[in-house]
Amino acid sequence: MLRFMDWSVVAMGCALVLMSLGIRWWERTEVRKGKSPDQDMRFFRAWLPLLLGLGMIIARVPGLLHAPHSVVMIMDTLNFALAVTVLVLVLRAAHRGFRARSPRITD
């Protein structure tokens, strides 16, 4: 039962990666039609699912494939770096969003 749950996490990661690629393809077709992309929400629509999906895949696959301990440790390190990257990108997007919504005070 536990193996099924682990593989379902990997499947969800793959679904997130495919969804992200589909969203990026959809954005490109919309730009070709003349519509301008929403740059503020692009991270949340396209990049966040991609990075989360990769994190889910990297976290589970080495253990499920009975990889050597050194490979598992390298993948855990990459997963940690990916998590820090996602955190920094979310904080930057939130800061940009709050700064854009705050009223401008001029003297």
N, C-alpha and C. Protein backbone atom coordinates (compact mmCIF):
# COMPACT_ATOMS: atom_id res chain seq x y z
N MET A 1 0.83 -1.20 0.00
CA MET A 1 0.00 0.00 0.00
C MET A 1 0.87 1.26 0.00
N LEU A 2 1.97 1.22 0.73
CA LEU A 2 2.83 2.39 0.81
C LEU A 2 3.46 2.69 -0.54
N ARG A 3 3.85 1.68 -1.29
CA ARG A 3 4.43 1.90 -2.61
C ARG A 3 3.42 2.59 -3.53
N PHE A 4 2.16 2.21 -3.44
CA PHE A 4 1.14 2.84 -4.27
C PHE A 4 1.05 4.33 -3.95
N MET A 5 1.09 4.66 -2.67
CA MET A 5 1.02 6.06 -2.27
C MET A 5 2.24 6.84 -2.75
N ASP A 6 3.42 6.22 -2.68
CA ASP A 6 4.63 6.89 -3.16
C ASP A 6 4.57 7.12 -4.67
N TRP A 7 4.11 6.12 -5.41
CA TRP A 7 4.01 6.30 -6.86
C TRP A 7 2.91 7.29 -7.22
N SER A 8 1.89 7.41 -6.38
CA SER A 8 0.85 8.40 -6.67
C SER A 8 1.40 9.82 -6.50
N VAL A 9 2.34 10.02 -5.57
CA VAL A 9 3.00 11.31 -5.43
C VAL A 9 3.81 11.62 -6.68
N VAL A 10 4.51 10.62 -7.20
CA VAL A 10 5.28 10.81 -8.43
C VAL A 10 4.34 11.12 -9.60
N ALA A 11 3.21 10.43 -9.67
CA ALA A 11 2.24 10.69 -10.74
C ALA A 11 1.68 12.11 -10.63
N MET A 12 1.43 12.57 -9.41
CA MET A 12 0.95 13.93 -9.24
C MET A 12 2.01 14.94 -9.66
N GLY A 13 3.27 14.67 -9.37
CA GLY A 13 4.36 15.53 -9.81
C GLY A 13 4.43 15.59 -11.33
N CYS A 14 4.29 14.44 -11.98
CA CYS A 14 4.29 14.41 -13.45
C CYS A 14 3.11 15.19 -14.01
N ALA A 15 1.94 15.06 -13.37
CA ALA A 15 0.77 15.81 -13.82
C ALA A 15 1.00 17.31 -13.69
N LEU A 16 1.64 17.74 -12.60
CA LEU A 16 1.93 19.17 -12.44
C LEU A 16 2.91 19.67 -13.50
N VAL A 17 3.92 18.87 -13.81
CA VAL A 17 4.88 19.26 -14.84
C VAL A 17 4.18 19.36 -16.20
N LEU A 18 3.36 18.39 -16.52
CA LEU A 18 2.64 18.43 -17.80
C LEU A 18 1.66 19.59 -17.85
N MET A 19 1.00 19.89 -16.73
CA MET A 19 0.09 21.01 -16.68
C MET A 19 0.84 22.32 -16.92
N SER A 20 2.00 22.44 -16.32
CA SER A 20 2.81 23.65 -16.49
C SER A 20 3.24 23.82 -17.94
N LEU A 21 3.66 22.73 -18.56
CA LEU A 21 4.05 22.81 -19.97
C LEU A 21 2.87 23.17 -20.85
N GLY A 22 1.69 22.65 -20.54
CA GLY A 22 0.48 23.00 -21.28
C GLY A 22 0.11 24.46 -21.12
N ILE A 23 0.26 24.99 -19.92
CA ILE A 23 -0.04 26.40 -19.68
C ILE A 23 0.93 27.29 -20.44
N ARG A 24 2.21 26.92 -20.45
CA ARG A 24 3.20 27.72 -21.20
C ARG A 24 2.90 27.68 -22.69
N TRP A 25 2.49 26.50 -23.22
CA TRP A 25 2.12 26.40 -24.62
C TRP A 25 0.90 27.27 -24.91
N TRP A 26 -0.09 27.25 -24.01
CA TRP A 26 -1.30 28.04 -24.18
C TRP A 26 -0.97 29.54 -24.19
N GLU A 27 -0.06 29.98 -23.30
CA GLU A 27 0.34 31.38 -23.27
C GLU A 27 1.00 31.79 -24.59
N ARG A 28 1.82 30.91 -25.13
CA ARG A 28 2.47 31.24 -26.40
C ARG A 28 1.46 31.39 -27.53
N THR A 29 0.44 30.54 -27.56
CA THR A 29 -0.57 30.67 -28.61
C THR A 29 -1.38 31.95 -28.42
N GLU A 30 -1.62 32.35 -27.18
CA GLU A 30 -2.36 33.59 -26.93
C GLU A 30 -1.54 34.80 -27.35
N VAL A 31 -0.22 34.76 -27.13
CA VAL A 31 0.64 35.87 -27.54
C VAL A 31 0.68 35.97 -29.06
N ARG A 32 0.69 34.83 -29.73
CA ARG A 32 0.68 34.85 -31.21
C ARG A 32 -0.60 35.47 -31.75
N LYS A 33 -1.70 35.32 -30.99
CA LYS A 33 -2.97 35.90 -31.41
C LYS A 33 -3.05 37.39 -31.14
N GLY A 34 -2.06 37.94 -30.45
CA GLY A 34 -2.03 39.37 -30.21
C GLY A 34 -2.37 39.79 -28.80
N LYS A 35 -2.70 38.86 -27.93
CA LYS A 35 -3.01 39.21 -26.55
C LYS A 35 -1.71 39.32 -25.75
N SER A 36 -1.67 40.27 -24.83
CA SER A 36 -0.46 40.42 -24.03
C SER A 36 -0.55 39.51 -22.81
N PRO A 37 0.56 38.83 -22.45
CA PRO A 37 0.53 37.94 -21.30
C PRO A 37 0.50 38.73 -20.00
N ASP A 38 -0.14 38.17 -19.00
CA ASP A 38 -0.18 38.77 -17.67
C ASP A 38 1.11 38.39 -16.95
N GLN A 39 2.07 39.30 -16.93
CA GLN A 39 3.39 39.00 -16.38
C GLN A 39 3.35 38.77 -14.87
N ASP A 40 2.41 39.40 -14.18
CA ASP A 40 2.36 39.25 -12.73
C ASP A 40 1.94 37.83 -12.31
N MET A 41 1.02 37.24 -13.04
CA MET A 41 0.52 35.92 -12.66
C MET A 41 1.23 34.79 -13.39
N ARG A 42 2.18 35.12 -14.24
CA ARG A 42 2.84 34.07 -15.03
C ARG A 42 3.58 33.09 -14.14
N PHE A 43 4.22 33.57 -13.09
CA PHE A 43 4.94 32.68 -12.19
C PHE A 43 3.98 31.68 -11.56
N PHE A 44 2.85 32.15 -11.08
CA PHE A 44 1.93 31.27 -10.39
C PHE A 44 1.24 30.30 -11.33
N ARG A 45 1.05 30.69 -12.59
CA ARG A 45 0.37 29.80 -13.53
C ARG A 45 1.30 28.79 -14.16
N ALA A 46 2.51 29.18 -14.50
CA ALA A 46 3.38 28.30 -15.27
C ALA A 46 4.56 27.76 -14.48
N TRP A 47 5.26 28.62 -13.77
CA TRP A 47 6.50 28.17 -13.13
C TRP A 47 6.28 27.46 -11.80
N LEU A 48 5.32 27.92 -11.01
CA LEU A 48 5.10 27.28 -9.71
C LEU A 48 4.71 25.81 -9.83
N PRO A 49 3.75 25.44 -10.71
CA PRO A 49 3.45 24.01 -10.85
C PRO A 49 4.64 23.20 -11.36
N LEU A 50 5.43 23.79 -12.26
CA LEU A 50 6.61 23.09 -12.77
C LEU A 50 7.60 22.80 -11.64
N LEU A 51 7.91 23.80 -10.85
CA LEU A 51 8.88 23.62 -9.77
C LEU A 51 8.36 22.68 -8.68
N LEU A 52 7.08 22.79 -8.34
CA LEU A 52 6.51 21.89 -7.34
C LEU A 52 6.47 20.45 -7.85
N GLY A 53 6.12 20.27 -9.11
CA GLY A 53 6.10 18.93 -9.68
C GLY A 53 7.48 18.29 -9.71
N LEU A 54 8.48 19.09 -10.10
CA LEU A 54 9.85 18.56 -10.08
C LEU A 54 10.29 18.19 -8.68
N GLY A 55 9.91 19.01 -7.71
CA GLY A 55 10.24 18.70 -6.32
C GLY A 55 9.61 17.40 -5.85
N MET A 56 8.37 17.18 -6.24
CA MET A 56 7.69 15.93 -5.85
C MET A 56 8.36 14.72 -6.50
N ILE A 57 8.75 14.87 -7.75
CA ILE A 57 9.39 13.76 -8.45
C ILE A 57 10.77 13.48 -7.87
N ILE A 58 11.55 14.53 -7.66
CA ILE A 58 12.91 14.35 -7.14
C ILE A 58 12.89 13.75 -5.73
N ALA A 59 11.87 14.07 -4.95
CA ALA A 59 11.81 13.59 -3.57
C ALA A 59 11.55 12.09 -3.49
N ARG A 60 10.78 11.53 -4.41
CA ARG A 60 10.34 10.13 -4.27
C ARG A 60 11.04 9.12 -5.17
N VAL A 61 11.39 9.50 -6.37
CA VAL A 61 11.88 8.53 -7.36
C VAL A 61 13.16 7.80 -6.92
N PRO A 62 14.19 8.48 -6.39
CA PRO A 62 15.40 7.73 -6.02
C PRO A 62 15.14 6.64 -4.99
N GLY A 63 14.32 6.93 -4.02
CA GLY A 63 14.00 5.91 -3.00
C GLY A 63 13.20 4.75 -3.57
N LEU A 64 12.28 5.07 -4.49
CA LEU A 64 11.46 4.01 -5.09
C LEU A 64 12.27 3.12 -6.02
N LEU A 65 13.31 3.67 -6.62
CA LEU A 65 14.14 2.88 -7.53
C LEU A 65 15.33 2.24 -6.81
N HIS A 66 15.35 2.34 -5.49
CA HIS A 66 16.41 1.75 -4.65
C HIS A 66 17.79 2.23 -5.10
N ALA A 67 17.91 3.53 -5.26
CA ALA A 67 19.18 4.14 -5.66
C ALA A 67 20.15 4.09 -4.48
N PRO A 68 21.44 4.16 -4.76
CA PRO A 68 22.42 4.19 -3.68
C PRO A 68 22.22 5.44 -2.80
N HIS A 69 22.73 5.34 -1.58
CA HIS A 69 22.54 6.41 -0.61
C HIS A 69 23.11 7.74 -1.11
N SER A 70 24.21 7.70 -1.80
CA SER A 70 24.81 8.94 -2.29
C SER A 70 23.89 9.63 -3.31
N VAL A 71 23.23 8.87 -4.16
CA VAL A 71 22.30 9.45 -5.14
C VAL A 71 21.10 10.06 -4.43
N VAL A 72 20.60 9.37 -3.41
CA VAL A 72 19.46 9.89 -2.65
C VAL A 72 19.84 11.20 -1.96
N MET A 73 21.04 11.27 -1.42
CA MET A 73 21.49 12.48 -0.74
C MET A 73 21.65 13.64 -1.74
N ILE A 74 22.17 13.36 -2.92
CA ILE A 74 22.30 14.40 -3.94
C ILE A 74 20.93 14.90 -4.36
N MET A 75 19.98 14.00 -4.55
CA MET A 75 18.63 14.41 -4.94
C MET A 75 17.95 15.20 -3.81
N ASP A 76 18.18 14.82 -2.56
CA ASP A 76 17.63 15.59 -1.44
C ASP A 76 18.21 16.99 -1.40
N THR A 77 19.50 17.11 -1.70
CA THR A 77 20.13 18.44 -1.75
C THR A 77 19.54 19.27 -2.87
N LEU A 78 19.36 18.68 -4.04
CA LEU A 78 18.73 19.39 -5.16
C LEU A 78 17.30 19.80 -4.82
N ASN A 79 16.58 18.92 -4.13
CA ASN A 79 15.21 19.22 -3.73
C ASN A 79 15.18 20.38 -2.75
N PHE A 80 16.14 20.44 -1.82
CA PHE A 80 16.21 21.55 -0.88
C PHE A 80 16.51 22.85 -1.62
N ALA A 81 17.44 22.81 -2.55
CA ALA A 81 17.76 24.01 -3.34
C ALA A 81 16.54 24.47 -4.14
N LEU A 82 15.78 23.53 -4.67
CA LEU A 82 14.57 23.85 -5.41
C LEU A 82 13.54 24.49 -4.48
N ALA A 83 13.41 23.97 -3.27
CA ALA A 83 12.45 24.54 -2.32
C ALA A 83 12.84 25.96 -1.93
N VAL A 84 14.12 26.21 -1.74
CA VAL A 84 14.57 27.56 -1.41
C VAL A 84 14.32 28.50 -2.59
N THR A 85 14.55 28.02 -3.79
CA THR A 85 14.29 28.83 -4.99
C THR A 85 12.82 29.20 -5.09
N VAL A 86 11.94 28.24 -4.86
CA VAL A 86 10.50 28.50 -4.91
C VAL A 86 10.12 29.52 -3.84
N LEU A 87 10.68 29.38 -2.63
CA LEU A 87 10.38 30.32 -1.56
C LEU A 87 10.82 31.73 -1.93
N VAL A 88 12.00 31.88 -2.48
CA VAL A 88 12.50 33.20 -2.87
C VAL A 88 11.62 33.79 -3.97
N LEU A 89 11.24 33.00 -4.96
CA LEU A 89 10.41 33.50 -6.04
C LEU A 89 9.01 33.90 -5.56
N VAL A 90 8.44 33.13 -4.64
CA VAL A 90 7.12 33.48 -4.09
C VAL A 90 7.21 34.76 -3.27
N LEU A 91 8.26 34.91 -2.48
CA LEU A 91 8.43 36.14 -1.69
C LEU A 91 8.62 37.36 -2.59
N ARG A 92 9.39 37.21 -3.67
CA ARG A 92 9.58 38.31 -4.61
C ARG A 92 8.26 38.69 -5.28
N ALA A 93 7.49 37.69 -5.69
CA ALA A 93 6.20 37.97 -6.34
C ALA A 93 5.23 38.62 -5.36
N ALA A 94 5.23 38.17 -4.12
CA ALA A 94 4.36 38.77 -3.11
C ALA A 94 4.78 40.20 -2.82
N HIS A 95 6.07 40.44 -2.72
CA HIS A 95 6.56 41.80 -2.47
C HIS A 95 6.17 42.73 -3.62
N ARG A 96 6.34 42.25 -4.84
CA ARG A 96 5.98 43.05 -6.00
C ARG A 96 4.48 43.33 -6.02
N GLY A 97 3.69 42.33 -5.65
CA GLY A 97 2.24 42.52 -5.63
C GLY A 97 1.79 43.50 -4.56
N PHE A 98 2.38 43.41 -3.36
CA PHE A 98 2.02 44.34 -2.29
C PHE A 98 2.49 45.76 -2.61
N ARG A 99 3.66 45.88 -3.22
CA ARG A 99 4.18 47.19 -3.56
C ARG A 99 3.32 47.86 -4.64
N ALA A 100 2.81 47.06 -5.57
CA ALA A 100 1.97 47.62 -6.63
C ALA A 100 0.60 48.06 -6.10
N ARG A 101 0.11 47.41 -5.06
CA ARG A 101 -1.20 47.73 -4.52
C ARG A 101 -1.16 48.82 -3.45
N SER A 102 0.00 49.12 -2.90
CA SER A 102 0.07 50.13 -1.84
C SER A 102 -0.10 51.52 -2.43
N PRO A 103 -0.78 52.41 -1.70
CA PRO A 103 -0.98 53.77 -2.22
C PRO A 103 0.32 54.55 -2.24
N ARG A 104 0.49 55.36 -3.24
CA ARG A 104 1.67 56.19 -3.37
C ARG A 104 1.47 57.48 -2.58
N ILE A 105 2.41 57.81 -1.74
CA ILE A 105 2.34 59.05 -0.96
C ILE A 105 3.35 60.02 -1.56
N THR A 106 2.84 61.12 -2.05
CA THR A 106 3.72 62.13 -2.62
C THR A 106 3.56 63.41 -1.84
N ASP A 107 4.63 64.13 -1.69
CA ASP A 107 4.60 65.42 -0.97
C ASP A 107 4.49 66.57 -1.90
